Amino acid sequence: MGRKKASSGNTLALQVDSEGNVRYDAIAQQGQRHGKIVQSQFKDLVPLANRKDVDDAARLMERPSEEEVQATTEKTRAALEKLTNGKIKAAQPKNVPDSQGKTSFIRYTPGQQFGGALQQRIIKMTEVVEDPLEPPRFKHKKIPRGPPSPPPPVLRSPPRKATAQEQKEWMIPPSISNWKNNKGFTIPLDKRLASDGRGLQDVHINDNFAKFAEALSVADRHSREEVRQRALMQQKLAQKEKAAKEENLRLLAQRAREERSGVAPSRPPADTQAAMKSALGAYGSDSGSGSEDEEDEAEKEDEEAAKVRDEMRAEKRREREREMRMNNMGTEQRAKMLARQQNRDISEKIALGLAKPTMSKESMLDSRLFNQESLSGSFADDESYGLYDRPLFHGSAATAAIYKARGNIAEGNEESFGGGTEEGIGKALDNDRFGLGQARVGFEGARDQEVREGPVQFEKDTSDVFGVDKFLDEAKSGRKRGLDTEAGSSRKRQQLDKASDRE
């Protein structure tokens, strides 16, 4: 009687499995449909082949029978039809108003009777037809949806403290733009590079670069070796050719000395003959047919060498005779010879003393290089500037025409102003017409100066006018200066001397 009625709530009763362990996963299965498998334990993660609480039939995982497939299909079809029907009904209008509206008849009996004839009345009531396009008059607020069923728990590994390496790997650098900096922050370069993601990229170098470098080095080494071998071969050939020429010259000199001394020339050995042949370009191979062939070849070579020596002697003799004639030749004969030889070098003319400098500028320039078009006398060349080439008053006639007194000349007094010539004007200026005599007072020192013919020449005044040198000397000597009486007296004395000279 006094026991309170237990209220039904969401609290679940504590459940235990077959082994006596508390089933904490019962909360995950609450609210689910019957037969739904919810994997909420650790053993659900273990493969079926390794589980011991499962029998062999569960391990085989046989396919369902036809009856189970049909039952599942019917359930699925019923669930889908339920969903589609609900969607269709929601889309259809619930209350379709009639065009005339609902009509009902009501029997009305008034409560107060006034003795009238009518005791009851029948009233016809018709609903007002609503416009289906009329906007709603009341605003319907939707109630928020209730909380859904709790989701199945997600199995996670127990939390553990991350190491420094893992923290470094999980560190995401801040996003820093290379174009915008609205806040005006000073961003270090390492942070800017870290945001670029360059450190996350691995640099891979292709192996072909190493192969290419190896091929280049091998080709360079081979080419250098070939150049070295070629240089050695050329050096050996040059040494051999030089030795052959020296041997040939030595033999020729020896024969010349023997011929000059009158001694019969001795037969050179076989190796010297080969050297002479190689030097003279006779690269034929000795047949070795006999001593007669060798003697004939030696005689031919001797004749050719003698012919070459005779030609060289004749040429040297002609050069000596020419030099002798040149030394004995006079100046006139040399000039005649130079006239015959128009193409002689200028250095030979200078050596003979016949070269003369050109005085005119026209002959120094080649007229063929200039324009050959001739202009009239009133026009000059475009590049000529001959305004100040000649003096303004060139000749006495121009001077006389400018400075002559035309009025006196018209009266016949042509002797006025010295006739207009420069000499006459100078005499007229020196003539003392009024007997005043020469000026007694003029510029100081003008009488001592000579007559100037050229431009004005100035002399440097070395006198100490302001006494600066004297002051410096006294300062260097260390003597104290008193009143500057001596300087003032000397300056005053100079002024008095100048005044007396003027008087």
Protein backbone atom coordinates (compact mmCIF):
# COMPACT_ATOMS: atom_id res chain seq x y z
CA MET A 1 0.00 0.00 0.00
CA GLY A 2 2.71 2.49 0.84
CA ARG A 3 5.03 1.36 -1.93
CA LYS A 4 5.69 3.97 -4.61
CA LYS A 5 4.94 3.07 -8.16
CA ALA A 6 8.11 2.75 -10.17
CA SER A 7 8.17 5.13 -13.11
CA SER A 8 9.32 3.74 -16.44
CA GLY A 9 12.57 5.48 -17.56
CA ASN A 10 15.66 4.96 -19.75
CA THR A 11 17.64 3.23 -17.04
CA LEU A 12 18.73 -0.29 -18.02
CA ALA A 13 19.04 -3.20 -15.71
CA LEU A 14 22.49 -4.58 -15.10
CA GLN A 15 23.11 -7.58 -17.32
CA VAL A 16 25.74 -10.31 -17.06
CA ASP A 17 26.99 -12.67 -19.75
CA SER A 18 27.55 -16.42 -19.48
CA GLU A 19 30.97 -15.95 -17.90
CA GLY A 20 29.75 -13.59 -15.22
CA ASN A 21 31.13 -10.39 -16.76
CA VAL A 22 29.03 -7.27 -16.81
CA ARG A 23 27.69 -6.46 -20.28
CA TYR A 24 28.48 -2.76 -20.81
CA ASP A 25 27.53 -2.99 -24.46
CA ALA A 26 23.85 -3.38 -23.65
CA ILE A 27 23.46 0.39 -23.94
CA ALA A 28 24.67 0.20 -27.55
CA GLN A 29 21.98 -2.35 -28.43
CA GLN A 30 19.13 -0.43 -26.85
CA GLY A 31 16.70 1.05 -29.33
CA GLN A 32 17.94 -1.09 -32.22
CA ARG A 33 15.74 -3.47 -34.19
CA HIS A 34 15.60 -7.09 -33.30
CA GLY A 35 18.34 -9.21 -34.84
CA LYS A 36 20.70 -6.29 -35.62
CA ILE A 37 24.35 -7.16 -34.95
CA VAL A 38 26.25 -4.48 -33.04
CA GLN A 39 30.01 -5.09 -32.73
CA SER A 40 30.98 -3.39 -29.48
CA GLN A 41 33.53 -5.74 -27.89
CA PHE A 42 37.19 -6.37 -28.40
CA LYS A 43 36.62 -9.95 -29.50
CA ASP A 44 34.70 -8.61 -32.48
CA LEU A 45 38.02 -7.30 -33.84
CA VAL A 46 39.63 -10.76 -33.68
CA PRO A 47 39.30 -12.80 -36.91
CA LEU A 48 36.84 -15.70 -36.74
CA ALA A 49 39.59 -18.21 -37.46
CA ASN A 50 41.36 -17.22 -34.21
CA ARG A 51 38.32 -16.95 -31.96
CA LYS A 52 37.61 -19.80 -29.56
CA ASP A 53 34.08 -18.84 -28.47
CA VAL A 54 32.71 -19.47 -31.96
CA ASP A 55 31.77 -22.91 -33.22
CA ASP A 56 32.74 -24.41 -36.54
CA ALA A 57 29.42 -23.58 -38.18
CA ALA A 58 29.98 -19.85 -37.54
CA ARG A 59 33.55 -20.09 -38.84
CA LEU A 60 32.42 -21.58 -42.12
CA MET A 61 30.12 -18.58 -42.78
CA GLU A 62 27.72 -20.51 -44.98
CA ARG A 63 25.43 -18.66 -47.31
CA PRO A 64 21.80 -18.13 -46.13
CA SER A 65 19.05 -20.43 -47.34
CA GLU A 66 16.37 -19.50 -49.84
CA GLU A 67 13.75 -19.04 -47.11
CA GLU A 68 15.94 -16.56 -45.26
CA VAL A 69 16.63 -14.67 -48.46
CA GLN A 70 12.88 -14.45 -49.24
CA ALA A 71 12.04 -13.30 -45.72
CA THR A 72 14.73 -10.61 -45.82
CA THR A 73 13.50 -9.49 -49.24
CA GLU A 74 9.91 -9.15 -47.98
CA LYS A 75 11.04 -7.15 -44.98
CA THR A 76 13.08 -4.83 -47.18
CA ARG A 77 10.20 -4.37 -49.61
CA ALA A 78 7.76 -3.59 -46.81
CA ALA A 79 10.11 -1.06 -45.30
CA LEU A 80 10.66 0.64 -48.67
CA GLU A 81 6.92 0.76 -49.39
CA LYS A 82 6.29 2.30 -46.01
CA LEU A 83 8.81 5.02 -46.74
CA THR A 84 7.48 5.75 -50.21
CA ASN A 85 3.87 5.82 -49.05
CA GLY A 86 4.73 8.23 -46.32
CA LYS A 87 6.47 10.49 -48.83
CA ILE A 88 3.49 10.32 -51.20
CA LYS A 89 0.96 11.08 -48.49
CA ALA A 90 3.03 14.01 -47.29
CA ALA A 91 3.06 15.42 -50.79
CA GLN A 92 -0.71 15.06 -51.27
CA PRO A 93 -3.05 17.79 -49.89
CA LYS A 94 -4.79 16.73 -46.70
CA ASN A 95 -7.99 18.80 -46.84
CA VAL A 96 -9.40 19.42 -50.30
CA PRO A 97 -12.23 21.99 -49.99
CA ASP A 98 -15.44 21.39 -51.89
CA SER A 99 -16.58 23.92 -54.39
CA GLN A 100 -19.88 24.44 -52.55
CA GLY A 101 -18.62 23.81 -49.06
CA LYS A 102 -20.12 21.55 -46.39
CA THR A 103 -23.85 22.08 -45.67
CA SER A 104 -25.66 21.08 -42.48
CA PHE A 105 -29.17 21.62 -41.21
CA ILE A 106 -29.80 22.49 -37.57
CA ARG A 107 -33.12 22.48 -35.75
CA TYR A 108 -33.24 25.55 -33.56
CA THR A 109 -35.69 26.00 -30.72
CA PRO A 110 -35.56 29.38 -29.10
CA GLY A 111 -35.45 29.49 -25.30
CA GLN A 112 -38.12 32.17 -24.86
CA GLN A 113 -41.50 31.70 -26.33
CA PHE A 114 -43.51 34.86 -26.91
CA GLY A 115 -46.62 33.13 -27.84
CA GLY A 116 -45.79 33.17 -31.46
CA ALA A 117 -46.79 30.68 -34.03
CA LEU A 118 -43.31 29.46 -34.81
CA GLN A 119 -41.90 27.38 -32.05
CA GLN A 120 -38.93 25.79 -33.91
CA ARG A 121 -36.73 26.76 -36.80
CA ILE A 122 -34.47 24.79 -39.19
CA ILE A 123 -31.25 26.63 -39.99
CA LYS A 124 -29.05 25.73 -42.94
CA MET A 125 -25.28 26.24 -42.22
CA THR A 126 -22.73 26.26 -45.09
CA GLU A 127 -18.97 26.64 -44.63
CA VAL A 128 -17.26 29.42 -46.50
CA VAL A 129 -15.18 28.13 -49.38
CA GLU A 130 -11.46 28.92 -48.81
CA ASP A 131 -9.16 29.98 -51.58
CA PRO A 132 -6.40 27.35 -51.92
CA LEU A 133 -3.92 29.99 -53.15
CA GLU A 134 -4.50 32.27 -50.22
CA PRO A 135 -1.40 32.63 -48.02
CA PRO A 136 -1.59 31.10 -44.54
CA ARG A 137 -3.07 33.30 -41.87
CA PHE A 138 -1.12 31.74 -39.01
CA LYS A 139 2.59 30.92 -38.76
CA HIS A 140 3.38 27.35 -37.76
CA LYS A 141 6.51 26.84 -35.76
CA LYS A 142 8.39 23.58 -36.13
CA ILE A 143 9.26 21.76 -32.97
CA PRO A 144 12.96 20.82 -32.78
CA ARG A 145 13.68 17.17 -33.40
CA GLY A 146 14.47 15.02 -30.43
CA PRO A 147 17.86 13.52 -29.79
CA PRO A 148 18.66 10.50 -31.95
CA SER A 149 19.61 7.11 -30.69
CA PRO A 150 23.11 6.88 -29.28
CA PRO A 151 25.69 6.02 -31.97
CA PRO A 152 27.72 2.84 -31.63
CA PRO A 153 30.93 3.34 -29.67
CA VAL A 154 34.20 3.70 -31.62
CA LEU A 155 36.92 1.42 -30.33
CA ARG A 156 40.21 3.28 -29.87
CA SER A 157 43.57 2.31 -28.50
CA PRO A 158 44.47 3.56 -25.05
CA PRO A 159 45.99 7.06 -25.03
CA ARG A 160 49.76 7.27 -24.85
CA LYS A 161 52.17 10.18 -24.71
CA ALA A 162 53.53 11.23 -28.10
CA THR A 163 57.30 11.26 -28.56
CA ALA A 164 59.29 14.24 -29.79
CA GLN A 165 59.67 12.68 -33.24
CA GLU A 166 55.93 12.15 -33.54
CA GLN A 167 55.24 15.70 -32.38
CA LYS A 168 57.67 16.99 -35.02
CA GLU A 169 55.98 14.90 -37.69
CA TRP A 170 52.51 16.05 -36.65
CA MET A 171 53.54 19.73 -36.56
CA ILE A 172 51.71 21.65 -39.26
CA PRO A 173 53.43 24.94 -40.18
CA PRO A 174 51.24 28.04 -40.27
CA SER A 175 49.95 29.20 -43.59
CA ILE A 176 51.95 32.26 -44.62
CA SER A 177 51.16 34.03 -47.86
CA ASN A 178 53.93 35.27 -50.12
CA TRP A 179 51.75 38.08 -51.48
CA LYS A 180 49.61 39.43 -48.64
CA ASN A 181 50.59 40.67 -45.20
CA ASN A 182 47.66 42.77 -44.05
CA LYS A 183 48.73 42.89 -40.41
CA GLY A 184 52.28 43.91 -41.30
CA PHE A 185 53.95 41.15 -39.30
CA THR A 186 57.67 40.58 -39.53
CA ILE A 187 57.91 36.96 -40.66
CA PRO A 188 61.28 35.19 -40.33
CA LEU A 189 62.69 33.52 -43.40
CA ASP A 190 62.75 30.06 -41.82
CA LYS A 191 59.03 30.31 -41.07
CA ARG A 192 58.30 31.49 -44.58
CA LEU A 193 60.27 28.60 -46.06
CA ALA A 194 58.59 26.15 -43.68
CA SER A 195 55.17 27.31 -44.85
CA ASP A 196 56.22 26.78 -48.44
CA GLY A 197 56.58 23.07 -47.83
CA ARG A 198 60.05 22.74 -49.30
CA GLY A 199 61.30 20.76 -46.37
CA LEU A 200 58.66 18.10 -46.97
CA GLN A 201 59.89 17.42 -50.48
CA ASP A 202 62.61 14.86 -51.09
CA VAL A 203 65.18 15.80 -53.72
CA HIS A 204 65.79 12.92 -56.11
CA ILE A 205 68.67 13.19 -58.56
CA ASN A 206 68.44 11.09 -61.67
CA ASP A 207 71.20 8.55 -62.26
CA ASN A 208 71.58 9.76 -65.81
CA PHE A 209 73.36 12.87 -64.52
CA ALA A 210 76.13 10.71 -63.06
CA LYS A 211 76.32 8.67 -66.27
CA PHE A 212 76.50 11.84 -68.35
CA ALA A 213 79.28 13.29 -66.17
CA GLU A 214 81.18 9.98 -66.38
CA ALA A 215 80.87 9.93 -70.16
CA LEU A 216 82.10 13.52 -70.40
CA SER A 217 85.12 12.81 -68.20
CA VAL A 218 86.02 9.70 -70.24
CA ALA A 219 85.68 11.60 -73.51
CA ASP A 220 87.80 14.45 -72.13
CA ARG A 221 90.48 12.02 -70.99
CA HIS A 222 90.57 10.28 -74.38
CA SER A 223 90.75 13.57 -76.27
CA ARG A 224 93.58 14.83 -74.09
CA GLU A 225 95.48 11.59 -74.62
CA GLU A 226 95.03 11.85 -78.38
CA VAL A 227 96.19 15.48 -78.39
CA ARG A 228 99.25 14.54 -76.34
CA GLN A 229 100.14 11.66 -78.66
CA ARG A 230 99.69 13.91 -81.70
CA ALA A 231 101.90 16.60 -80.16
CA LEU A 232 104.61 14.03 -79.36
CA MET A 233 104.49 12.70 -82.93
CA GLN A 234 104.76 16.19 -84.40
CA GLN A 235 107.64 16.99 -82.09
CA LYS A 236 109.50 13.84 -83.13
CA LEU A 237 108.92 14.59 -86.81
CA ALA A 238 110.14 18.15 -86.36
CA GLN A 239 113.28 16.95 -84.54
CA LYS A 240 114.00 14.40 -87.26
CA GLU A 241 113.54 16.99 -90.01
CA LYS A 242 115.74 19.48 -88.19
CA ALA A 243 118.49 16.87 -87.73
CA ALA A 244 118.32 15.99 -91.44
CA LYS A 245 118.61 19.66 -92.47
CA GLU A 246 121.56 20.21 -90.15
CA GLU A 247 123.29 17.13 -91.55
CA ASN A 248 122.70 18.31 -95.10
CA LEU A 249 124.06 21.77 -94.33
CA ARG A 250 127.10 20.26 -92.64
CA LEU A 251 127.86 18.09 -95.68
CA LEU A 252 127.42 21.03 -98.05
CA ALA A 253 129.77 23.16 -95.97
CA GLN A 254 132.33 20.37 -95.83
CA ARG A 255 132.23 19.94 -99.62
CA ALA A 256 132.56 23.68 -100.13
CA ARG A 257 135.64 23.77 -97.91
CA GLU A 258 137.17 20.81 -99.74
CA GLU A 259 136.54 22.38 -103.15
CA ARG A 260 137.99 25.70 -102.01
CA SER A 261 141.10 23.97 -100.70
CA GLY A 262 141.49 21.88 -103.88
CA VAL A 263 141.22 18.53 -102.14
CA ALA A 264 139.20 15.82 -103.89
CA PRO A 265 135.91 15.44 -102.16
CA SER A 266 135.60 12.27 -100.14
CA ARG A 267 132.64 10.01 -100.60
CA PRO A 268 130.15 10.45 -97.79
CA PRO A 269 129.00 7.38 -95.88
CA ALA A 270 125.70 5.64 -96.52
CA ASP A 271 123.86 7.23 -93.59
CA THR A 272 124.87 10.74 -94.67
CA GLN A 273 123.67 9.99 -98.19
CA ALA A 274 120.30 8.89 -96.78
CA ALA A 275 120.12 12.11 -94.75
CA MET A 276 120.87 14.21 -97.81
CA LYS A 277 118.23 12.39 -99.78
CA SER A 278 115.62 12.94 -97.12
CA ALA A 279 116.53 16.64 -96.82
CA LEU A 280 116.41 17.26 -100.57
CA GLY A 281 113.06 15.47 -100.84
CA ALA A 282 114.33 12.38 -102.62
CA TYR A 283 112.26 9.85 -100.76
CA GLY A 284 112.93 6.98 -103.21
CA SER A 285 113.97 3.58 -101.87
CA ASP A 286 117.42 2.24 -102.76
CA SER A 287 117.01 -0.79 -104.91
CA GLY A 288 120.38 -2.22 -103.97
CA SER A 289 120.88 -3.58 -107.50
CA GLY A 290 124.62 -2.96 -107.41
CA SER A 291 127.42 -0.48 -106.88
CA GLU A 292 126.97 0.99 -110.37
CA ASP A 293 123.50 2.30 -109.67
CA GLU A 294 124.69 3.83 -106.44
CA GLU A 295 127.60 5.57 -108.20
CA ASP A 296 125.28 6.99 -110.88
CA GLU A 297 122.89 8.35 -108.29
CA ALA A 298 125.79 9.86 -106.34
CA GLU A 299 127.10 11.59 -109.48
CA LYS A 300 123.68 12.99 -110.28
CA GLU A 301 123.33 14.32 -106.77
CA ASP A 302 126.79 15.90 -106.93
CA GLU A 303 125.95 17.62 -110.21
CA GLU A 304 122.70 18.98 -108.81
CA ALA A 305 124.40 20.24 -105.64
CA ALA A 306 127.15 21.90 -107.72
CA LYS A 307 124.50 23.60 -109.90
CA VAL A 308 122.70 24.94 -106.82
CA ARG A 309 125.95 26.27 -105.37
CA ASP A 310 126.86 28.00 -108.66
CA GLU A 311 123.48 29.76 -108.75
CA MET A 312 123.90 30.95 -105.18
CA ARG A 313 127.39 32.27 -105.91
CA ALA A 314 126.16 34.16 -109.00
CA GLU A 315 123.34 35.77 -107.04
CA LYS A 316 125.69 36.85 -104.25
CA ARG A 317 128.10 38.32 -106.83
CA ARG A 318 125.34 40.35 -108.47
CA GLU A 319 124.26 41.74 -105.09
CA ARG A 320 127.83 42.82 -104.24
CA GLU A 321 128.25 44.52 -107.63
CA ARG A 322 125.00 46.41 -107.17
CA GLU A 323 125.98 47.60 -103.71
CA MET A 324 129.33 48.78 -105.08
CA ARG A 325 127.66 50.77 -107.86
CA MET A 326 125.29 52.35 -105.37
CA ASN A 327 128.15 53.46 -103.15
CA ASN A 328 130.09 55.00 -106.08
CA MET A 329 127.04 56.78 -107.50
CA GLY A 330 126.65 60.56 -107.14
CA THR A 331 123.64 62.56 -105.98
CA GLU A 332 122.47 63.42 -109.51
CA GLN A 333 122.72 59.86 -110.67
CA ARG A 334 120.83 58.75 -107.62
CA ALA A 335 118.07 61.26 -108.39
CA LYS A 336 117.87 59.99 -111.97
CA MET A 337 117.63 56.44 -110.77
CA LEU A 338 114.88 57.41 -108.34
CA ALA A 339 113.05 59.11 -111.22
CA ARG A 340 113.18 55.86 -113.13
CA GLN A 341 111.95 53.96 -110.11
CA GLN A 342 108.69 55.65 -109.24
CA ASN A 343 107.57 52.98 -106.81
CA ARG A 344 110.55 53.34 -104.49
CA ASP A 345 109.79 53.25 -100.79
CA ILE A 346 109.73 56.54 -98.83
CA SER A 347 112.26 55.14 -96.37
CA GLU A 348 114.87 54.94 -99.17
CA LYS A 349 114.16 58.56 -100.14
CA ILE A 350 114.71 59.64 -96.55
CA ALA A 351 117.93 57.65 -96.38
CA LEU A 352 119.20 59.32 -99.58
CA GLY A 353 118.15 62.80 -98.40
CA LEU A 354 115.76 63.34 -101.33
CA ALA A 355 112.52 63.41 -99.37
CA LYS A 356 110.99 66.90 -99.03
CA PRO A 357 108.01 67.88 -96.87
CA THR A 358 104.89 69.08 -98.67
CA MET A 359 104.23 72.72 -97.94
CA SER A 360 100.71 72.98 -99.33
CA LYS A 361 97.79 71.35 -97.61
CA GLU A 362 96.11 70.51 -100.89
CA SER A 363 98.80 68.03 -101.92
CA MET A 364 98.64 66.34 -98.50
CA LEU A 365 95.06 65.28 -99.12
CA ASP A 366 93.79 62.99 -101.82
CA SER A 367 91.31 64.90 -103.93
CA ARG A 368 89.68 61.69 -105.05
CA LEU A 369 88.24 61.25 -101.56
CA PHE A 370 86.24 64.46 -101.74
CA ASN A 371 83.03 65.26 -103.55
CA GLN A 372 83.66 66.22 -107.15
CA GLU A 373 80.57 68.39 -107.50
CA SER A 374 81.47 72.02 -108.16
CA LEU A 375 79.34 74.79 -106.68
CA SER A 376 79.09 78.39 -107.70
CA GLY A 377 81.44 81.00 -106.23
CA SER A 378 78.75 82.49 -104.00
CA PHE A 379 78.33 79.27 -102.06
CA ALA A 380 80.90 77.58 -99.88
CA ASP A 381 81.18 74.04 -98.62
CA ASP A 382 78.72 72.86 -95.98
CA GLU A 383 81.45 72.13 -93.47
CA SER A 384 83.59 75.20 -94.17
CA TYR A 385 83.74 77.98 -91.59
CA GLY A 386 85.86 80.74 -93.13
CA LEU A 387 84.54 83.74 -91.27
CA TYR A 388 87.80 84.48 -89.44
CA ASP A 389 90.28 82.97 -91.92
CA ARG A 390 91.58 86.42 -93.02
CA PRO A 391 92.03 89.65 -91.10
CA LEU A 392 89.21 92.19 -91.13
CA PHE A 393 91.17 95.05 -92.75
CA HIS A 394 93.67 93.41 -95.07
CA GLY A 395 95.78 96.02 -96.90
CA SER A 396 96.14 99.79 -96.66
CA ALA A 397 93.25 100.51 -99.03
CA ALA A 398 90.63 99.24 -96.60
CA THR A 399 92.15 101.19 -93.74
CA ALA A 400 92.27 104.38 -95.83
CA ALA A 401 88.67 103.98 -96.92
CA ILE A 402 87.46 103.67 -93.32
CA TYR A 403 89.52 106.19 -91.39
CA LYS A 404 89.91 108.93 -94.02
CA ALA A 405 88.05 112.22 -93.33
CA ARG A 406 85.78 112.45 -96.32
CA GLY A 407 84.90 116.12 -95.78
CA ASN A 408 88.51 117.31 -95.86
CA ILE A 409 89.34 115.02 -98.76
CA ALA A 410 86.50 116.54 -100.76
CA GLU A 411 87.99 119.99 -100.15
CA GLY A 412 91.36 118.83 -101.44
CA ASN A 413 93.04 118.42 -98.04
CA GLU A 414 94.27 114.85 -98.60
CA GLU A 415 97.13 115.26 -96.14
CA SER A 416 94.72 115.24 -93.21
CA PHE A 417 95.08 112.23 -90.96
CA GLY A 418 98.21 111.11 -92.78
CA GLY A 419 96.49 110.22 -96.01
CA GLY A 420 94.61 107.37 -94.37
CA THR A 421 97.57 104.98 -94.32
CA GLU A 422 98.90 103.32 -91.19
CA GLU A 423 102.26 105.06 -91.44
CA GLY A 424 100.68 108.47 -92.06
CA ILE A 425 98.27 108.04 -89.13
CA GLY A 426 101.21 107.21 -86.84
CA LYS A 427 103.11 110.34 -87.92
CA ALA A 428 99.99 112.49 -87.46
CA LEU A 429 99.58 111.24 -83.94
CA ASP A 430 103.22 111.93 -83.08
CA ASN A 431 103.01 115.47 -84.59
CA ASP A 432 102.54 118.18 -81.95
CA ARG A 433 100.34 120.66 -83.83
CA PHE A 434 99.64 122.95 -80.89
CA GLY A 435 103.11 122.96 -79.35
CA LEU A 436 102.01 121.42 -76.05
CA GLY A 437 104.98 119.16 -75.92
CA GLN A 438 105.00 115.74 -74.45
CA ALA A 439 103.02 115.02 -71.32
CA ARG A 440 105.16 115.52 -68.25
CA VAL A 441 103.04 113.30 -65.99
CA GLY A 442 102.05 109.87 -67.31
CA PHE A 443 101.91 106.35 -66.07
CA GLU A 444 104.57 105.45 -63.62
CA GLY A 445 107.35 103.50 -65.30
CA ALA A 446 105.96 104.07 -68.84
CA ARG A 447 109.18 105.77 -70.03
CA ASP A 448 111.35 102.88 -68.88
CA GLN A 449 109.41 100.30 -70.87
CA GLU A 450 110.43 99.36 -74.39
CA VAL A 451 108.15 99.68 -77.37
CA ARG A 452 105.79 96.72 -77.37
CA GLU A 453 105.33 94.92 -80.63
CA GLY A 454 103.43 91.85 -79.45
CA PRO A 455 100.70 91.20 -76.91
CA VAL A 456 100.79 92.54 -73.37
CA GLN A 457 103.21 90.64 -71.14
CA PHE A 458 102.90 90.69 -67.36
CA GLU A 459 105.63 90.28 -64.78
CA LYS A 460 105.23 88.70 -61.41
CA ASP A 461 105.53 91.14 -58.54
CA THR A 462 107.83 89.57 -55.97
CA SER A 463 107.91 92.57 -53.58
CA ASP A 464 106.30 92.15 -50.17
CA VAL A 465 103.69 94.90 -50.39
CA PHE A 466 101.73 94.00 -47.26
CA GLY A 467 104.69 92.87 -45.19
CA VAL A 468 103.50 89.27 -44.88
CA ASP A 469 106.96 87.76 -45.39
CA LYS A 470 108.44 90.03 -42.79
CA PHE A 471 105.71 89.13 -40.35
CA LEU A 472 106.31 85.43 -40.89
CA ASP A 473 110.05 85.86 -40.41
CA GLU A 474 109.49 87.69 -37.12
CA ALA A 475 107.06 85.02 -36.00
CA LYS A 476 109.58 82.27 -36.78
CA SER A 477 112.40 84.11 -35.00
CA GLY A 478 110.24 84.58 -31.88
CA ARG A 479 110.85 88.32 -31.55
CA LYS A 480 107.93 90.28 -30.07
CA ARG A 481 106.35 92.90 -32.22
CA GLY A 482 105.90 96.38 -30.86
CA LEU A 483 104.18 99.24 -32.50
CA ASP A 484 104.28 99.03 -36.25
CA THR A 485 106.13 102.33 -36.58
CA GLU A 486 108.82 101.21 -38.98
CA ALA A 487 106.35 99.85 -41.49
CA GLY A 488 104.22 103.00 -41.31
CA SER A 489 107.25 105.27 -41.66
CA SER A 490 108.60 103.31 -44.64
CA ARG A 491 105.21 103.35 -46.36
CA LYS A 492 104.84 107.08 -45.71
CA ARG A 493 108.34 107.70 -47.02
CA GLN A 494 107.52 105.87 -50.26
CA GLN A 495 104.42 107.99 -50.81
CA LEU A 496 106.44 111.20 -50.30
CA ASP A 497 109.08 110.06 -52.79
CA LYS A 498 106.43 109.33 -55.40
CA ALA A 499 104.86 112.80 -54.94
CA SER A 500 108.25 114.50 -55.36
CA ASP A 501 108.96 112.60 -58.53
CA ARG A 502 105.63 113.71 -60.00
CA GLU A 503 106.37 117.36 -59.26
